[in-house]
Amino acid sequence: MQIQLSKKGHVFSTRPKAHEVFDELFDEKEITLDFTDVESATPSFLHETLLIFKKKNMNLHIENMSNSLKFQLEKARRALI
């Protein structure tokens, strides 16, 4: 399943927003997040997103992420360790 995040907004800044966007996913095992036209995502949003996918045992793939968002994602990934 592919999710184009820009259909749900352009700025993602809170942990509750991650739940708003992703809690509806129940039985999917493979998810591709497309970050085309996403302006910003904070480490807290990305960290919570990673936690949601980890708890649901889902494989997450990311596409079209800007370099600045990749930097934020790496910060979030390091916080999981």
Protein backbone atom coordinates (compact mmCIF):
# COMPACT_ATOMS: atom_id res chain seq x y z
CA MET A 1 0.00 0.00 0.00
CA GLN A 2 1.27 3.46 -0.85
CA ILE A 3 0.37 6.57 1.15
CA GLN A 4 0.99 10.00 -0.31
CA LEU A 5 1.42 12.10 2.82
CA SER A 6 0.72 15.39 1.06
CA LYS A 7 -2.93 14.31 0.77
CA LYS A 8 -3.06 14.48 4.58
CA GLY A 9 -1.17 17.75 4.93
CA HIS A 10 2.13 19.44 4.19
CA VAL A 11 3.46 19.97 7.71
CA PHE A 12 3.68 17.10 10.20
CA SER A 13 4.79 18.21 13.62
CA THR A 14 3.30 16.18 16.47
CA ARG A 15 3.02 12.67 17.81
CA PRO A 16 -0.81 12.90 17.78
CA LYS A 17 -0.64 13.79 14.08
CA ALA A 18 1.25 10.54 13.45
CA HIS A 19 -1.58 8.62 15.12
CA GLU A 20 -4.15 10.58 13.15
CA VAL A 21 -2.43 9.64 9.90
CA PHE A 22 -1.45 6.03 10.61
CA ASP A 23 -3.74 4.48 13.23
CA GLU A 24 -6.23 3.56 10.51
CA LEU A 25 -3.78 1.03 9.07
CA PHE A 26 -4.66 -2.38 10.45
CA ASP A 27 -3.81 -5.35 8.26
CA GLU A 28 -1.20 -3.92 5.93
CA LYS A 29 2.27 -5.43 6.17
CA GLU A 30 4.06 -3.34 3.51
CA ILE A 31 3.65 0.43 3.44
CA THR A 32 5.37 2.96 1.20
CA LEU A 33 5.27 6.57 2.41
CA ASP A 34 5.60 9.10 -0.38
CA PHE A 35 6.88 12.44 0.93
CA THR A 36 6.36 14.35 -2.34
CA ASP A 37 5.27 17.93 -1.53
CA VAL A 38 5.71 17.47 2.25
CA GLU A 39 7.25 20.68 3.55
CA SER A 40 8.31 19.53 7.00
CA ALA A 41 8.14 16.72 9.49
CA THR A 42 9.56 17.03 12.98
CA PRO A 43 11.65 14.40 14.70
CA SER A 44 8.77 13.77 17.13
CA PHE A 45 6.32 13.06 14.28
CA LEU A 46 8.85 10.81 12.53
CA HIS A 47 9.81 9.05 15.77
CA GLU A 48 6.17 8.30 16.56
CA THR A 49 5.64 7.13 12.97
CA LEU A 50 8.52 4.67 13.33
CA LEU A 51 7.12 3.44 16.65
CA ILE A 52 3.66 2.90 15.16
CA PHE A 53 5.07 0.86 12.30
CA LYS A 54 7.32 -1.11 14.66
CA LYS A 55 4.45 -1.92 17.04
CA LYS A 56 2.27 -3.05 14.14
CA ASN A 57 5.15 -5.12 12.74
CA MET A 58 4.89 -3.40 9.35
CA ASN A 59 7.60 -2.96 6.75
CA LEU A 60 8.08 0.71 5.97
CA HIS A 61 9.52 2.09 2.74
CA ILE A 62 10.09 5.78 2.15
CA GLU A 63 10.12 7.62 -1.17
CA ASN A 64 10.73 11.17 -2.36
CA MET A 65 12.05 12.56 0.89
CA SER A 66 14.05 15.79 0.79
CA ASN A 67 17.52 15.89 2.29
CA SER A 68 16.34 17.96 5.24
CA LEU A 69 13.58 15.43 5.98
CA LYS A 70 16.09 12.58 5.66
CA PHE A 71 18.18 14.32 8.31
CA GLN A 72 15.13 14.52 10.62
CA LEU A 73 14.34 10.85 9.94
CA GLU A 74 17.86 9.82 10.93
CA LYS A 75 17.47 11.73 14.19
CA ALA A 76 14.24 9.85 14.85
CA ARG A 77 15.82 6.48 14.01
CA ARG A 78 18.73 7.13 16.37
CA ALA A 79 16.26 7.88 19.15
CA LEU A 80 14.76 4.39 18.76
CA ILE A 81 18.03 2.69 19.63
